[in-house]
């Protein structure tokens, strides 16, 4: 039986000034990668690249030193990938 897809939840706070928390749910244990890209599609930071067990997870991204603007964060796992937008304020 397929345990279902990986779920990437909304970052909070969003918009953010200092830091934001990414949260996601994995249907099964596996390798997971969380990347943040700028509006031009350039990698800003690889926030996570590790193996996680099934269940709910959170990771904090410190946005000090990150320019204001719109970013896309992308979660990749064996189940596929999902992306959402994040706004960084000064």
PDB file of N, CA and C in Angstrom:
ATOM      1  N   UNK A   1       0.840  -1.201   0.000  1.00  0.00           N
ATOM      2  CA  UNK A   1       0.000   0.000   0.000  1.00  0.00           C
ATOM      3  C   UNK A   1       0.871   1.245   0.000  1.00  0.00           C
ATOM      4  N   UNK A   2       0.476   2.218  -0.759  1.00  0.00           N
ATOM      5  CA  UNK A   2       1.214   3.482  -0.811  1.00  0.00           C
ATOM      6  C   UNK A   2       0.892   4.288   0.447  1.00  0.00           C
ATOM      7  N   UNK A   3       1.919   4.670   1.221  1.00  0.00           N
ATOM      8  CA  UNK A   3       1.663   5.408   2.463  1.00  0.00           C
ATOM      9  C   UNK A   3       1.249   6.850   2.247  1.00  0.00           C
ATOM     10  N   UNK A   4       1.254   7.298   0.994  1.00  0.00           N
ATOM     11  CA  UNK A   4       0.835   8.670   0.730  1.00  0.00           C
ATOM     12  C   UNK A   4       2.020   9.584   0.527  1.00  0.00           C
ATOM     13  N   UNK A   5       1.762  10.767   0.022  1.00  0.00           N
ATOM     14  CA  UNK A   5       2.844  11.679  -0.334  1.00  0.00           C
ATOM     15  C   UNK A   5       3.449  12.386   0.872  1.00  0.00           C
ATOM     16  N   UNK A   6       4.616  12.929   0.628  1.00  0.00           N
ATOM     17  CA  UNK A   6       5.229  13.844   1.581  1.00  0.00           C
ATOM     18  C   UNK A   6       4.434  15.143   1.547  1.00  0.00           C
ATOM     19  N   UNK A   7       4.225  15.757   2.701  1.00  0.00           N
ATOM     20  CA  UNK A   7       3.485  17.019   2.767  1.00  0.00           C
ATOM     21  C   UNK A   7       4.401  18.122   3.275  1.00  0.00           C
ATOM     22  N   UNK A   8       4.482  19.197   2.512  1.00  0.00           N
ATOM     23  CA  UNK A   8       5.218  20.392   2.918  1.00  0.00           C
ATOM     24  C   UNK A   8       4.192  21.412   3.390  1.00  0.00           C
ATOM     25  N   UNK A   9       4.298  21.824   4.637  1.00  0.00           N
ATOM     26  CA  UNK A   9       3.328  22.753   5.216  1.00  0.00           C
ATOM     27  C   UNK A   9       3.802  24.198   5.047  1.00  0.00           C
ATOM     28  N   UNK A  10       2.928  25.140   5.308  1.00  0.00           N
ATOM     29  CA  UNK A  10       3.269  26.558   5.180  1.00  0.00           C
ATOM     30  C   UNK A  10       4.324  26.943   6.212  1.00  0.00           C
ATOM     31  N   UNK A  11       5.295  27.740   5.785  1.00  0.00           N
ATOM     32  CA  UNK A  11       6.313  28.257   6.699  1.00  0.00           C
ATOM     33  C   UNK A  11       5.662  29.258   7.645  1.00  0.00           C
ATOM     34  N   UNK A  12       6.209  29.357   8.846  1.00  0.00           N
ATOM     35  CA  UNK A  12       5.669  30.308   9.823  1.00  0.00           C
ATOM     36  C   UNK A  12       6.807  30.912  10.639  1.00  0.00           C
ATOM     37  N   UNK A  13       6.883  32.219  10.783  1.00  0.00           N
ATOM     38  CA  UNK A  13       5.985  33.186  10.142  1.00  0.00           C
ATOM     39  C   UNK A  13       6.316  33.383   8.661  1.00  0.00           C
ATOM     40  N   UNK A  14       5.335  33.845   7.921  1.00  0.00           N
ATOM     41  CA  UNK A  14       5.497  34.153   6.504  1.00  0.00           C
ATOM     42  C   UNK A  14       4.495  35.251   6.165  1.00  0.00           C
ATOM     43  N   UNK A  15       4.974  36.481   5.931  1.00  0.00           N
ATOM     44  CA  UNK A  15       6.362  36.926   5.764  1.00  0.00           C
ATOM     45  C   UNK A  15       7.186  36.824   7.061  1.00  0.00           C
ATOM     46  N   UNK A  16       8.513  36.782   6.874  1.00  0.00           N
ATOM     47  CA  UNK A  16       9.428  36.672   7.993  1.00  0.00           C
ATOM     48  C   UNK A  16      10.470  37.786   7.952  1.00  0.00           C
ATOM     49  N   UNK A  17      11.034  38.093   9.106  1.00  0.00           N
ATOM     50  CA  UNK A  17      12.137  39.046   9.188  1.00  0.00           C
ATOM     51  C   UNK A  17      13.433  38.375   9.629  1.00  0.00           C
ATOM     52  N   UNK A  18      13.370  37.585  10.710  1.00  0.00           N
ATOM     53  CA  UNK A  18      14.584  37.045  11.326  1.00  0.00           C
ATOM     54  C   UNK A  18      14.768  35.548  11.119  1.00  0.00           C
ATOM     55  N   UNK A  19      13.682  34.810  11.190  1.00  0.00           N
ATOM     56  CA  UNK A  19      13.743  33.348  11.057  1.00  0.00           C
ATOM     57  C   UNK A  19      12.351  32.835  10.743  1.00  0.00           C
ATOM     58  N   UNK A  20      12.314  31.674  10.109  1.00  0.00           N
ATOM     59  CA  UNK A  20      11.036  31.030   9.831  1.00  0.00           C
ATOM     60  C   UNK A  20      11.181  29.542  10.092  1.00  0.00           C
ATOM     61  N   UNK A  21      10.077  28.887  10.396  1.00  0.00           N
ATOM     62  CA  UNK A  21      10.092  27.449  10.635  1.00  0.00           C
ATOM     63  C   UNK A  21       9.404  26.736   9.481  1.00  0.00           C
ATOM     64  N   UNK A  22      10.149  25.813   8.859  1.00  0.00           N
ATOM     65  CA  UNK A  22       9.578  24.947   7.835  1.00  0.00           C
ATOM     66  C   UNK A  22       9.097  23.676   8.522  1.00  0.00           C
ATOM     67  N   UNK A  23       7.924  23.207   8.173  1.00  0.00           N
ATOM     68  CA  UNK A  23       7.434  21.946   8.730  1.00  0.00           C
ATOM     69  C   UNK A  23       6.934  21.057   7.598  1.00  0.00           C
ATOM     70  N   UNK A  24       7.132  19.758   7.792  1.00  0.00           N
ATOM     71  CA  UNK A  24       6.739  18.804   6.763  1.00  0.00           C
ATOM     72  C   UNK A  24       6.427  17.464   7.411  1.00  0.00           C
ATOM     73  N   UNK A  25       5.686  16.649   6.687  1.00  0.00           N
ATOM     74  CA  UNK A  25       5.301  15.318   7.143  1.00  0.00           C
ATOM     75  C   UNK A  25       5.785  14.294   6.128  1.00  0.00           C
ATOM     76  N   UNK A  26       6.489  13.286   6.616  1.00  0.00           N
ATOM     77  CA  UNK A  26       6.955  12.197   5.761  1.00  0.00           C
ATOM     78  C   UNK A  26       6.092  10.964   6.006  1.00  0.00           C
ATOM     79  N   UNK A  27       5.664  10.341   4.920  1.00  0.00           N
ATOM     80  CA  UNK A  27       4.858   9.126   5.034  1.00  0.00           C
ATOM     81  C   UNK A  27       5.724   7.940   5.455  1.00  0.00           C
ATOM     82  N   UNK A  28       7.007   7.974   5.071  1.00  0.00           N
ATOM     83  CA  UNK A  28       7.918   6.895   5.462  1.00  0.00           C
ATOM     84  C   UNK A  28       9.332   7.443   5.590  1.00  0.00           C
ATOM     85  N   UNK A  29      10.161   6.688   6.303  1.00  0.00           N
ATOM     86  CA  UNK A  29      11.552   7.094   6.503  1.00  0.00           C
ATOM     87  C   UNK A  29      12.271   7.201   5.172  1.00  0.00           C
ATOM     88  N   UNK A  30      13.164   8.174   5.066  1.00  0.00           N
ATOM     89  CA  UNK A  30      13.944   8.299   3.847  1.00  0.00           C
ATOM     90  C   UNK A  30      14.742   9.582   3.807  1.00  0.00           C
ATOM     91  N   UNK A  31      15.503   9.704   2.746  1.00  0.00           N
ATOM     92  CA  UNK A  31      16.319  10.884   2.512  1.00  0.00           C
ATOM     93  C   UNK A  31      15.405  12.051   2.180  1.00  0.00           C
ATOM     94  N   UNK A  32      15.726  13.199   2.752  1.00  0.00           N
ATOM     95  CA  UNK A  32      14.926  14.399   2.503  1.00  0.00           C
ATOM     96  C   UNK A  32      15.853  15.591   2.353  1.00  0.00           C
ATOM     97  N   UNK A  33      15.509  16.469   1.422  1.00  0.00           N
ATOM     98  CA  UNK A  33      16.311  17.662   1.165  1.00  0.00           C
ATOM     99  C   UNK A  33      15.377  18.859   1.092  1.00  0.00           C
ATOM    100  N   UNK A  34      15.778  19.937   1.760  1.00  0.00           N
ATOM    101  CA  UNK A  34      14.990  21.171   1.756  1.00  0.00           C
ATOM    102  C   UNK A  34      15.891  22.308   1.295  1.00  0.00           C
ATOM    103  N   UNK A  35      15.567  22.877   0.139  1.00  0.00           N
ATOM    104  CA  UNK A  35      16.363  23.944  -0.462  1.00  0.00           C
ATOM    105  C   UNK A  35      15.536  25.215  -0.576  1.00  0.00           C
ATOM    106  N   UNK A  36      16.217  26.361  -0.472  1.00  0.00           N
ATOM    107  CA  UNK A  36      15.581  27.663  -0.668  1.00  0.00           C
ATOM    108  C   UNK A  36      16.208  28.307  -1.900  1.00  0.00           C
ATOM    109  N   UNK A  37      15.364  28.750  -2.828  1.00  0.00           N
ATOM    110  CA  UNK A  37      15.806  29.376  -4.070  1.00  0.00           C
ATOM    111  C   UNK A  37      15.307  30.813  -4.145  1.00  0.00           C
ATOM    112  N   UNK A  38      16.089  31.672  -4.799  1.00  0.00           N
ATOM    113  CA  UNK A  38      15.645  33.052  -4.997  1.00  0.00           C
ATOM    114  C   UNK A  38      14.735  33.129  -6.220  1.00  0.00           C
ATOM    115  N   UNK A  39      14.289  34.336  -6.529  1.00  0.00           N
ATOM    116  CA  UNK A  39      13.312  34.547  -7.599  1.00  0.00           C
ATOM    117  C   UNK A  39      13.869  34.145  -8.971  1.00  0.00           C
ATOM    118  N   UNK A  40      15.209  34.123  -9.102  1.00  0.00           N
ATOM    119  CA  UNK A  40      15.846  33.730 -10.366  1.00  0.00           C
ATOM    120  C   UNK A  40      16.146  32.236 -10.424  1.00  0.00           C
ATOM    121  N   UNK A  41      15.767  31.525  -9.362  1.00  0.00           N
ATOM    122  CA  UNK A  41      15.988  30.083  -9.357  1.00  0.00           C
ATOM    123  C   UNK A  41      17.353  29.660  -8.858  1.00  0.00           C
ATOM    124  N   UNK A  42      18.110  30.587  -8.279  1.00  0.00           N
ATOM    125  CA  UNK A  42      19.431  30.256  -7.732  1.00  0.00           C
ATOM    126  C   UNK A  42      19.291  29.732  -6.309  1.00  0.00           C
ATOM    127  N   UNK A  43      20.074  28.713  -5.987  1.00  0.00           N
ATOM    128  CA  UNK A  43      20.052  28.149  -4.641  1.00  0.00           C
ATOM    129  C   UNK A  43      20.610  29.160  -3.650  1.00  0.00           C
ATOM    130  N   UNK A  44      19.824  29.493  -2.633  1.00  0.00           N
ATOM    131  CA  UNK A  44      20.245  30.416  -1.578  1.00  0.00           C
ATOM    132  C   UNK A  44      20.853  29.628  -0.422  1.00  0.00           C
ATOM    133  N   UNK A  45      20.172  28.562  -0.027  1.00  0.00           N
ATOM    134  CA  UNK A  45      20.683  27.727   1.065  1.00  0.00           C
ATOM    135  C   UNK A  45      20.038  26.353   1.035  1.00  0.00           C
ATOM    136  N   UNK A  46      20.881  25.345   1.290  1.00  0.00           N
ATOM    137  CA  UNK A  46      20.360  23.989   1.510  1.00  0.00           C
ATOM    138  C   UNK A  46      20.126  23.877   3.006  1.00  0.00           C
ATOM    139  N   UNK A  47      18.871  23.927   3.412  1.00  0.00           N
ATOM    140  CA  UNK A  47      18.510  23.973   4.828  1.00  0.00           C
ATOM    141  C   UNK A  47      18.619  22.584   5.460  1.00  0.00           C
ATOM    142  N   UNK A  48      18.346  21.562   4.671  1.00  0.00           N
ATOM    143  CA  UNK A  48      18.315  20.199   5.201  1.00  0.00           C
ATOM    144  C   UNK A  48      18.727  19.227   4.113  1.00  0.00           C
ATOM    145  N   UNK A  49      19.538  18.229   4.464  1.00  0.00           N
ATOM    146  CA  UNK A  49      19.910  17.155   3.538  1.00  0.00           C
ATOM    147  C   UNK A  49      20.310  15.964   4.398  1.00  0.00           C
ATOM    148  N   UNK A  50      19.336  15.133   4.726  1.00  0.00           N
ATOM    149  CA  UNK A  50      19.575  14.065   5.695  1.00  0.00           C
ATOM    150  C   UNK A  50      18.496  12.996   5.570  1.00  0.00           C
ATOM    151  N   UNK A  51      18.593  11.969   6.384  1.00  0.00           N
ATOM    152  CA  UNK A  51      17.564  10.939   6.456  1.00  0.00           C
ATOM    153  C   UNK A  51      16.694  11.209   7.679  1.00  0.00           C
ATOM    154  N   UNK A  52      15.407  11.160   7.480  1.00  0.00           N
ATOM    155  CA  UNK A  52      14.453  11.397   8.570  1.00  0.00           C
ATOM    156  C   UNK A  52      13.477  10.231   8.649  1.00  0.00           C
ATOM    157  N   UNK A  53      12.990   9.962   9.863  1.00  0.00           N
ATOM    158  CA  UNK A  53      11.978   8.923  10.032  1.00  0.00           C
ATOM    159  C   UNK A  53      10.615   9.465   9.604  1.00  0.00           C
ATOM    160  N   UNK A  54       9.672   8.557   9.429  1.00  0.00           N
ATOM    161  CA  UNK A  54       8.306   8.956   9.086  1.00  0.00           C
ATOM    162  C   UNK A  54       7.730   9.812  10.205  1.00  0.00           C
ATOM    163  N   UNK A  55       6.869  10.752   9.843  1.00  0.00           N
ATOM    164  CA  UNK A  55       6.218  11.591  10.839  1.00  0.00           C
ATOM    165  C   UNK A  55       6.388  13.065  10.548  1.00  0.00           C
ATOM    166  N   UNK A  56       6.113  13.878  11.562  1.00  0.00           N
ATOM    167  CA  UNK A  56       6.159  15.336  11.432  1.00  0.00           C
ATOM    168  C   UNK A  56       7.529  15.872  11.828  1.00  0.00           C
ATOM    169  N   UNK A  57       8.016  16.831  11.066  1.00  0.00           N
ATOM    170  CA  UNK A  57       9.336  17.410  11.317  1.00  0.00           C
ATOM    171  C   UNK A  57       9.283  18.921  11.161  1.00  0.00           C
ATOM    172  N   UNK A  58      10.200  19.596  11.865  1.00  0.00           N
ATOM    173  CA  UNK A  58      10.323  21.056  11.755  1.00  0.00           C
ATOM    174  C   UNK A  58      11.802  21.396  11.678  1.00  0.00           C
ATOM    175  N   UNK A  59      12.105  22.439  10.925  1.00  0.00           N
ATOM    176  CA  UNK A  59      13.471  22.950  10.865  1.00  0.00           C
ATOM    177  C   UNK A  59      13.390  24.473  10.763  1.00  0.00           C
ATOM    178  N   UNK A  60      14.240  25.154  11.539  1.00  0.00           N
ATOM    179  CA  UNK A  60      14.246  26.616  11.562  1.00  0.00           C
ATOM    180  C   UNK A  60      15.304  27.124  10.592  1.00  0.00           C
ATOM    181  N   UNK A  61      14.928  28.113   9.783  1.00  0.00           N
ATOM    182  CA  UNK A  61      15.872  28.760   8.877  1.00  0.00           C
ATOM    183  C   UNK A  61      16.093  30.187   9.359  1.00  0.00           C
ATOM    184  N   UNK A  62      17.344  30.493   9.691  1.00  0.00           N
ATOM    185  CA  UNK A  62      17.745  31.836  10.123  1.00  0.00           C
ATOM    186  C   UNK A  62      17.902  32.701   8.879  1.00  0.00           C
ATOM    187  N   UNK A  63      17.102  33.759   8.770  1.00  0.00           N
ATOM    188  CA  UNK A  63      17.113  34.582   7.560  1.00  0.00           C
ATOM    189  C   UNK A  63      17.930  35.865   7.719  1.00  0.00           C
ATOM    190  N   UNK A  64      18.701  35.982   8.804  1.00  0.00           N
ATOM    191  CA  UNK A  64      19.619  37.124   8.924  1.00  0.00           C
ATOM    192  C   UNK A  64      20.603  37.067   7.756  1.00  0.00           C
ATOM    193  N   UNK A  65      20.860  38.203   7.138  1.00  0.00           N
ATOM    194  CA  UNK A  65      21.800  38.237   6.022  1.00  0.00           C
ATOM    195  C   UNK A  65      21.192  37.828   4.694  1.00  0.00           C
ATOM    196  N   UNK A  66      19.917  37.476   4.696  1.00  0.00           N
ATOM    197  CA  UNK A  66      19.225  37.128   3.458  1.00  0.00           C
ATOM    198  C   UNK A  66      18.488  38.370   2.969  1.00  0.00           C
ATOM    199  N   UNK A  67      18.660  38.701   1.697  1.00  0.00           N
ATOM    200  CA  UNK A  67      18.025  39.899   1.138  1.00  0.00           C
ATOM    201  C   UNK A  67      16.506  39.771   1.177  1.00  0.00           C
ATOM    202  N   UNK A  68      15.829  40.916   1.274  1.00  0.00           N
ATOM    203  CA  UNK A  68      14.369  40.885   1.230  1.00  0.00           C
ATOM    204  C   UNK A  68      13.923  40.455  -0.164  1.00  0.00           C
ATOM    205  N   UNK A  69      12.778  39.820  -0.237  1.00  0.00           N
ATOM    206  CA  UNK A  69      12.261  39.365  -1.519  1.00  0.00           C
ATOM    207  C   UNK A  69      11.426  38.113  -1.366  1.00  0.00           C
ATOM    208  N   UNK A  70      11.075  37.541  -2.513  1.00  0.00           N
ATOM    209  CA  UNK A  70      10.262  36.328  -2.549  1.00  0.00           C
ATOM    210  C   UNK A  70      11.171  35.136  -2.830  1.00  0.00           C
ATOM    211  N   UNK A  71      10.997  34.092  -2.049  1.00  0.00           N
ATOM    212  CA  UNK A  71      11.796  32.878  -2.188  1.00  0.00           C
ATOM    213  C   UNK A  71      10.871  31.681  -2.359  1.00  0.00           C
ATOM    214  N   UNK A  72      11.405  30.643  -2.971  1.00  0.00           N
ATOM    215  CA  UNK A  72      10.696  29.376  -3.094  1.00  0.00           C
ATOM    216  C   UNK A  72      11.451  28.344  -2.282  1.00  0.00           C
ATOM    217  N   UNK A  73      10.741  27.623  -1.426  1.00  0.00           N
ATOM    218  CA  UNK A  73      11.401  26.526  -0.716  1.00  0.00           C
ATOM    219  C   UNK A  73      10.843  25.211  -1.237  1.00  0.00           C
ATOM    220  N   UNK A  74      11.759  24.267  -1.460  1.00  0.00           N
ATOM    221  CA  UNK A  74      11.428  23.015  -2.135  1.00  0.00           C
ATOM    222  C   UNK A  74      11.848  21.843  -1.257  1.00  0.00           C
ATOM    223  N   UNK A  75      10.911  20.961  -0.989  1.00  0.00           N
ATOM    224  CA  UNK A  75      11.183  19.734  -0.240  1.00  0.00           C
ATOM    225  C   UNK A  75      11.210  18.575  -1.224  1.00  0.00           C
ATOM    226  N   UNK A  76      12.323  17.829  -1.217  1.00  0.00           N
ATOM    227  CA  UNK A  76      12.439  16.656  -2.087  1.00  0.00           C
ATOM    228  C   UNK A  76      12.595  15.412  -1.221  1.00  0.00           C
ATOM    229  N   UNK A  77      11.872  14.366  -1.597  1.00  0.00           N
ATOM    230  CA  UNK A  77      11.984  13.084  -0.902  1.00  0.00           C
ATOM    231  C   UNK A  77      11.741  11.986  -1.930  1.00  0.00           C
ATOM    232  N   UNK A  78      11.784  10.747  -1.464  1.00  0.00           N
ATOM    233  CA  UNK A  78      11.539   9.619  -2.366  1.00  0.00           C
ATOM    234  C   UNK A  78      10.126   9.669  -2.934  1.00  0.00           C
ATOM    235  N   UNK A  79       9.227  10.347  -2.236  1.00  0.00           N
ATOM    236  CA  UNK A  79       7.833  10.440  -2.685  1.00  0.00           C
ATOM    237  C   UNK A  79       7.639  11.521  -3.746  1.00  0.00           C
ATOM    238  N   UNK A  80       8.684  12.313  -4.011  1.00  0.00           N
ATOM    239  CA  UNK A  80       8.568  13.387  -4.987  1.00  0.00           C
ATOM    240  C   UNK A  80       8.995  14.714  -4.401  1.00  0.00           C
ATOM    241  N   UNK A  81       8.490  15.797  -4.946  1.00  0.00           N
ATOM    242  CA  UNK A  81       8.855  17.112  -4.429  1.00  0.00           C
ATOM    243  C   UNK A  81       7.642  18.020  -4.351  1.00  0.00           C
ATOM    244  N   UNK A  82       7.763  18.986  -3.453  1.00  0.00           N
ATOM    245  CA  UNK A  82       6.693  19.960  -3.245  1.00  0.00           C
ATOM    246  C   UNK A  82       7.356  21.296  -2.951  1.00  0.00           C
ATOM    247  N   UNK A  83       6.737  22.380  -3.403  1.00  0.00           N
ATOM    248  CA  UNK A  83       7.330  23.701  -3.176  1.00  0.00           C
ATOM    249  C   UNK A  83       6.273  24.701  -2.726  1.00  0.00           C
ATOM    250  N   UNK A  84       6.753  25.726  -2.013  1.00  0.00           N
ATOM    251  CA  UNK A  84       5.901  26.823  -1.552  1.00  0.00           C
ATOM    252  C   UNK A  84       6.716  28.108  -1.591  1.00  0.00           C
ATOM    253  N   UNK A  85       6.012  29.232  -1.444  1.00  0.00           N
ATOM    254  CA  UNK A  85       6.664  30.547  -1.465  1.00  0.00           C
ATOM    255  C   UNK A  85       6.831  31.109  -0.055  1.00  0.00           C
ATOM    256  N   UNK A  86       7.879  31.919   0.085  1.00  0.00           N
ATOM    257  CA  UNK A  86       8.183  32.584   1.349  1.00  0.00           C
ATOM    258  C   UNK A  86       8.590  34.020   1.044  1.00  0.00           C
ATOM    259  N   UNK A  87       8.103  34.969   1.846  1.00  0.00           N
ATOM    260  CA  UNK A  87       8.469  36.376   1.679  1.00  0.00           C
ATOM    261  C   UNK A  87       9.375  36.790   2.830  1.00  0.00           C
ATOM    262  N   UNK A  88      10.534  37.369   2.483  1.00  0.00           N
ATOM    263  CA  UNK A  88      11.482  37.882   3.476  1.00  0.00           C
ATOM    264  C   UNK A  88      11.381  39.400   3.488  1.00  0.00           C
ATOM    265  N   UNK A  89      11.133  39.968   4.662  1.00  0.00           N
ATOM    266  CA  UNK A  89      11.078  41.421   4.838  1.00  0.00           C
ATOM    267  C   UNK A  89      12.376  41.904   5.467  1.00  0.00           C
ATOM    268  N   UNK A  90      12.671  43.207   5.282  1.00  0.00           N
ATOM    269  CA  UNK A  90      13.865  43.768   5.924  1.00  0.00           C
ATOM    270  C   UNK A  90      13.610  43.979   7.393  1.00  0.00           C
TER     271      UNK A  90
END
